[in-house]
Amino acid sequence: MKKLILILLIFPYLLIAQDDLLNELESDVQEDNNVTSTFKGLKIVNFESTKLVNKRNLFFIVAHRFGSVENGIDDFFGLDQAVTQLKFIYGISDAVNIGIARSSFQKTYGGHIKYRLFRQKKNGFPVTIVGYNLLTINTGLEKDQLPKLEFNNRLSYVSQVLVARKFGKRLSLELAPSYLHENFVRFDDQDNSQFIMGIGGRYKLTKRFSLNVDYGYHVNRSSTSAFKNPLSIGVDIETGGHVFQLHFTNAQPMFENGFLGQASGDWGDGDFFFGFNLSRVFDL
């Protein structure tokens, strides 16, 4: 009984001590002065954001794009023409990620590395800078239709510099200058090396919802190309530590070489695609 009374008397002091310890830990976290939560998703919509997977975390991502809504009920607003991408991303460290993926669009496989170079600081460095490099293999090209096709023709490369800044609690903006090299191009006057200036942003609407937009201006697109500049609009929904993304875009492919160079939809004609991204994280 005496031991019980002693525990009851000491317990409030233990709680106070715990609170003091937590306050010290929080102050330590704040002392690094890093700006956090510039973006909540690994992508803004199509473009990569400056967010990275934490060290020893494995993300499994299912990305889905329905067909164009332009044909209406004939193909159930694009349901019959859907494409899917499955992706794994692993955090080697908090600043370096690697990933592999497969998309049903042109039966494409890809591998990427994403790495943080600089981080925005409160009253310090003004932006976060992240590098991103992607290699893709288009296995959908057919030798019967392209007799001179070689393995090298299936390869595409993308390099991006992602420069983002968080303005206050609600607004984040990003510039994404991008270099795309395709060994096989579909138009005779299209350069293999292509340059795109991407821009994107996130505006926090409520505690759990944000509005996201990104756009890519293709600098040297072929004059005979039927493809458009990619424009995408979506929302992030935060649910229990995860981010569920819903969006509309004029680009059905999800790899960077696809949406940067082959966005086929036209917003003005109602030719765009509905899609979503789902993710599951595993702590290894």
Foldseek 3Di string as FASTA:
>chain_A
DVVVVVCVVCVVVVVVVVVVVVVVVVVVVCVVQFDDCLDLDCALAQHGALADDAAQKKKWKKKKWFFWQLVPCPCPSRNVPMKIKIKIKHHNHRFKIKMWMFIPVLRKIKIKIKGWDDTDGDVDDFKTKMKMKMKMFRPNDDCVVVVPDDRLQRIKMKIWIWIKGRDPDFKIKIKIWMWIAGSDDDDPPAHRIWIKIKIKMWGDDDPFKIKIKMWIDTDGGDPPDQADTKIKIWMWGDDPSFTKIKIKIQFNDRDPNRNHHPRNGDVVSSTIIIMIMDMDMDRD
